[in-house]
């Protein structure tokens, strides 16, 4: 939103791609839809892509307790980590500077990342709620369908940017929910845990 606010011409979630915010040059673009792009704060946007991707990879690695054992969970985590790599690549290679690398980053996010989200619904640990499993896989399937519609230029009234967001945002919303949920659960466990000194006295007793 900070980067959007810096645009002299209003930025549109329906008419503009997410990547437009990170474009390094002001120019008229014809593909996939005609639009004028000029993002004065593109450096901030690209830095946020890199930070987001790095944190997503770290989160996938550190959140081991979230997953069950088995090949499905391993593949899901690898695909989600690939999405994090995709965000880093998208930030390091703006679409109007290194188009091929940027497109590769987008594919890692919206193809492999969303497949990972579908598999995550199966690979979550057994003590995770069934509703969370179903919602996770449903988000992934919805995002994959949206990505297919985006590639085929069928936007269903959402516009090019709206359909792209339908393909990219489910993964981010899921990661945000899982992260906040994990922090809350960790806080509750810390509150319920007895003080170390008291626990040591009880043990000695």
Protein backbone atom coordinates (compact mmCIF):
# COMPACT_ATOMS: atom_id res chain seq x y z
CA UNK A 1 0.00 0.00 0.00
CA UNK A 2 2.94 2.33 0.67
CA UNK A 3 4.38 1.61 -2.77
CA UNK A 4 0.96 2.01 -4.41
CA UNK A 5 0.49 5.43 -2.78
CA UNK A 6 3.64 6.72 -4.49
CA UNK A 7 2.15 6.28 -7.97
CA UNK A 8 1.20 9.53 -9.73
CA UNK A 9 -1.40 7.64 -11.76
CA UNK A 10 -3.62 5.58 -9.45
CA UNK A 11 -2.54 1.95 -9.13
CA UNK A 12 -5.38 -0.52 -9.69
CA UNK A 13 -5.64 -3.99 -8.16
CA UNK A 14 -7.84 -4.93 -11.14
CA UNK A 15 -5.80 -3.46 -14.01
CA UNK A 16 -2.23 -3.77 -12.74
CA UNK A 17 -0.07 -6.80 -12.03
CA UNK A 18 1.56 -7.22 -8.65
CA UNK A 19 4.91 -7.10 -10.42
CA UNK A 20 4.13 -3.62 -11.76
CA UNK A 21 4.93 -2.29 -8.30
CA UNK A 22 8.51 -3.52 -8.66
CA UNK A 23 9.18 -2.35 -12.23
CA UNK A 24 12.30 -0.22 -12.32
CA UNK A 25 11.38 2.01 -15.29
CA UNK A 26 8.43 4.17 -16.25
CA UNK A 27 6.97 2.91 -19.53
CA UNK A 28 3.86 1.81 -21.37
CA UNK A 29 3.42 -1.96 -21.25
CA UNK A 30 1.32 -3.88 -23.77
CA UNK A 31 1.40 -7.40 -22.31
CA UNK A 32 -0.65 -9.07 -21.00
CA UNK A 33 -2.90 -5.96 -20.98
CA UNK A 34 -2.04 -2.36 -22.02
CA UNK A 35 -1.18 -0.13 -19.05
CA UNK A 36 1.25 2.60 -18.04
CA UNK A 37 3.66 1.63 -15.26
CA UNK A 38 5.66 4.04 -13.13
CA UNK A 39 6.53 2.90 -9.60
CA UNK A 40 8.78 5.43 -7.82
CA UNK A 41 9.21 3.14 -4.80
CA UNK A 42 10.01 0.02 -6.80
CA UNK A 43 13.13 -0.59 -4.68
CA UNK A 44 11.00 -0.88 -1.55
CA UNK A 45 8.65 -3.31 -3.28
CA UNK A 46 11.45 -5.51 -4.54
CA UNK A 47 13.11 -5.50 -1.12
CA UNK A 48 9.80 -6.62 0.41
CA UNK A 49 9.63 -9.49 -2.11
CA UNK A 50 13.09 -10.64 -1.07
CA UNK A 51 12.36 -10.39 2.67
CA UNK A 52 8.99 -12.14 2.25
CA UNK A 53 10.56 -15.00 0.31
CA UNK A 54 13.40 -15.45 2.78
CA UNK A 55 11.01 -15.50 5.75
CA UNK A 56 8.75 -18.00 3.99
CA UNK A 57 11.67 -20.38 3.47
CA UNK A 58 12.78 -19.95 7.09
CA UNK A 59 9.23 -20.57 8.29
CA UNK A 60 8.91 -23.78 6.27
CA UNK A 61 12.22 -25.03 7.67
CA UNK A 62 11.54 -24.15 11.31
CA UNK A 63 7.89 -25.18 11.53
CA UNK A 64 8.69 -28.88 11.71
CA UNK A 65 6.10 -29.61 14.40
CA UNK A 66 3.37 -28.54 11.98
CA UNK A 67 3.95 -31.53 9.71
CA UNK A 68 3.50 -35.27 9.87
CA UNK A 69 6.21 -37.67 8.78
CA UNK A 70 6.16 -39.00 5.25
CA UNK A 71 6.83 -38.16 1.63
CA UNK A 72 3.74 -35.97 1.16
CA UNK A 73 4.77 -33.59 3.92
CA UNK A 74 8.34 -33.46 2.63
CA UNK A 75 7.21 -32.65 -0.92
CA UNK A 76 4.73 -30.06 0.35
CA UNK A 77 7.42 -28.30 2.36
CA UNK A 78 9.84 -28.36 -0.58
CA UNK A 79 7.23 -26.84 -2.89
CA UNK A 80 6.34 -24.14 -0.33
CA UNK A 81 10.04 -23.37 0.07
CA UNK A 82 10.27 -23.06 -3.72
CA UNK A 83 7.57 -20.40 -3.52
CA UNK A 84 9.78 -18.51 -1.08
CA UNK A 85 12.67 -18.78 -3.54
CA UNK A 86 10.29 -17.48 -6.21
CA UNK A 87 9.56 -14.34 -4.20
CA UNK A 88 13.28 -13.72 -3.72
CA UNK A 89 13.89 -14.19 -7.44
CA UNK A 90 11.00 -11.87 -8.33
CA UNK A 91 12.47 -9.19 -6.08
CA UNK A 92 16.00 -9.54 -7.42
CA UNK A 93 14.84 -9.61 -11.06
CA UNK A 94 12.18 -6.95 -11.77
CA UNK A 95 9.90 -7.85 -14.66
CA UNK A 96 11.10 -4.99 -16.89
CA UNK A 97 14.80 -5.71 -16.25
CA UNK A 98 15.14 -9.51 -16.20
CA UNK A 99 11.84 -10.75 -17.57
CA UNK A 100 12.69 -14.44 -17.88
CA UNK A 101 14.02 -14.72 -14.34
CA UNK A 102 11.00 -12.82 -13.03
CA UNK A 103 8.60 -15.13 -14.86
CA UNK A 104 10.43 -18.11 -13.37
CA UNK A 105 9.95 -16.61 -9.92
CA UNK A 106 6.24 -16.14 -10.60
CA UNK A 107 5.93 -19.76 -11.74
CA UNK A 108 7.62 -20.96 -8.56
CA UNK A 109 5.13 -18.95 -6.51
CA UNK A 110 1.86 -19.60 -8.31
CA UNK A 111 2.53 -23.10 -9.66
CA UNK A 112 4.81 -24.94 -7.24
CA UNK A 113 3.74 -22.90 -4.22
CA UNK A 114 0.05 -23.57 -4.79
CA UNK A 115 0.65 -27.27 -5.49
CA UNK A 116 2.53 -27.30 -2.19
CA UNK A 117 -0.50 -25.73 -0.54
CA UNK A 118 -2.76 -28.50 -1.85
CA UNK A 119 -0.33 -31.13 -0.56
CA UNK A 120 -0.01 -29.31 2.76
CA UNK A 121 -3.63 -30.17 3.49
CA UNK A 122 -2.58 -33.82 3.49
CA UNK A 123 0.82 -33.34 5.09
CA UNK A 124 -0.19 -31.40 8.19
CA UNK A 125 0.36 -33.16 11.51
CA UNK A 126 -2.31 -35.52 12.80
CA UNK A 127 -3.23 -33.22 15.70
CA UNK A 128 -4.13 -30.37 13.35
CA UNK A 129 -7.91 -29.82 12.91
CA UNK A 130 -9.57 -31.51 9.95
CA UNK A 131 -11.13 -28.18 8.97
CA UNK A 132 -7.66 -26.65 8.64
CA UNK A 133 -6.61 -29.49 6.36
CA UNK A 134 -9.61 -29.07 4.08
CA UNK A 135 -9.32 -25.29 3.94
CA UNK A 136 -5.61 -25.53 3.17
CA UNK A 137 -6.12 -27.86 0.21
CA UNK A 138 -9.15 -25.86 -0.97
CA UNK A 139 -7.12 -22.64 -0.96
CA UNK A 140 -4.42 -24.33 -3.00
CA UNK A 141 -6.89 -25.74 -5.52
CA UNK A 142 -8.62 -22.36 -5.86
CA UNK A 143 -5.29 -20.63 -6.41
CA UNK A 144 -4.23 -23.16 -9.06
CA UNK A 145 -7.53 -22.68 -10.91
CA UNK A 146 -7.09 -18.90 -10.70
CA UNK A 147 -3.57 -19.19 -12.08
CA UNK A 148 -4.87 -21.19 -15.04
CA UNK A 149 -7.53 -18.55 -15.71
CA UNK A 150 -4.91 -15.81 -15.44
CA UNK A 151 -2.67 -17.52 -17.99
CA UNK A 152 -5.61 -17.97 -20.37
CA UNK A 153 -6.62 -14.29 -20.01
CA UNK A 154 -10.00 -15.20 -18.54
CA UNK A 155 -10.44 -12.85 -15.65
CA UNK A 156 -14.15 -13.44 -14.79
CA UNK A 157 -14.72 -9.75 -14.15
CA UNK A 158 -11.83 -9.45 -11.67
CA UNK A 159 -9.46 -7.90 -14.17
CA UNK A 160 -5.93 -9.05 -14.91
CA UNK A 161 -4.58 -7.90 -11.55
CA UNK A 162 -7.54 -9.27 -9.63
CA UNK A 163 -7.16 -12.75 -11.10
CA UNK A 164 -3.42 -12.72 -10.47
CA UNK A 165 -4.09 -11.87 -6.83
CA UNK A 166 -6.58 -14.73 -6.63
CA UNK A 167 -3.70 -16.97 -7.68
CA UNK A 168 -1.04 -15.45 -5.39
CA UNK A 169 -2.81 -14.34 -2.21
CA UNK A 170 -4.17 -17.69 -0.87
CA UNK A 171 -0.63 -18.90 -0.12
CA UNK A 172 0.22 -15.65 1.66
CA UNK A 173 -3.04 -15.65 3.63
CA UNK A 174 -2.43 -19.26 4.71
CA UNK A 175 1.16 -18.54 5.74
CA UNK A 176 0.02 -15.50 7.74
CA UNK A 177 -2.71 -17.49 9.49
CA UNK A 178 -0.37 -20.39 10.29
CA UNK A 179 2.30 -18.03 11.60
CA UNK A 180 -0.05 -16.03 13.84
CA UNK A 181 -1.72 -19.22 15.06
CA UNK A 182 1.67 -20.69 15.91
CA UNK A 183 2.70 -17.58 17.85
CA UNK A 184 -0.55 -17.60 19.83
CA UNK A 185 -0.21 -21.30 20.65
CA UNK A 186 3.40 -20.81 21.70
CA UNK A 187 2.39 -17.91 23.94
CA UNK A 188 -0.31 -20.01 25.60
CA UNK A 189 2.14 -22.86 26.22
CA UNK A 190 4.63 -20.46 27.80
CA UNK A 191 1.95 -19.05 30.08
CA UNK A 192 0.80 -22.50 31.15
CA UNK A 193 4.34 -23.77 31.77
CA UNK A 194 5.48 -23.58 35.44
CA UNK A 195 8.38 -21.23 36.26
CA UNK A 196 11.75 -22.97 35.92
CA UNK A 197 12.74 -22.33 39.53
CA UNK A 198 9.45 -23.71 40.80
CA UNK A 199 9.74 -26.69 38.47
CA UNK A 200 13.27 -27.40 39.74
CA UNK A 201 12.10 -27.25 43.38
CA UNK A 202 9.28 -29.65 42.62
CA UNK A 203 11.72 -32.01 40.89
CA UNK A 204 14.13 -31.95 43.85
CA UNK A 205 11.23 -32.49 46.25
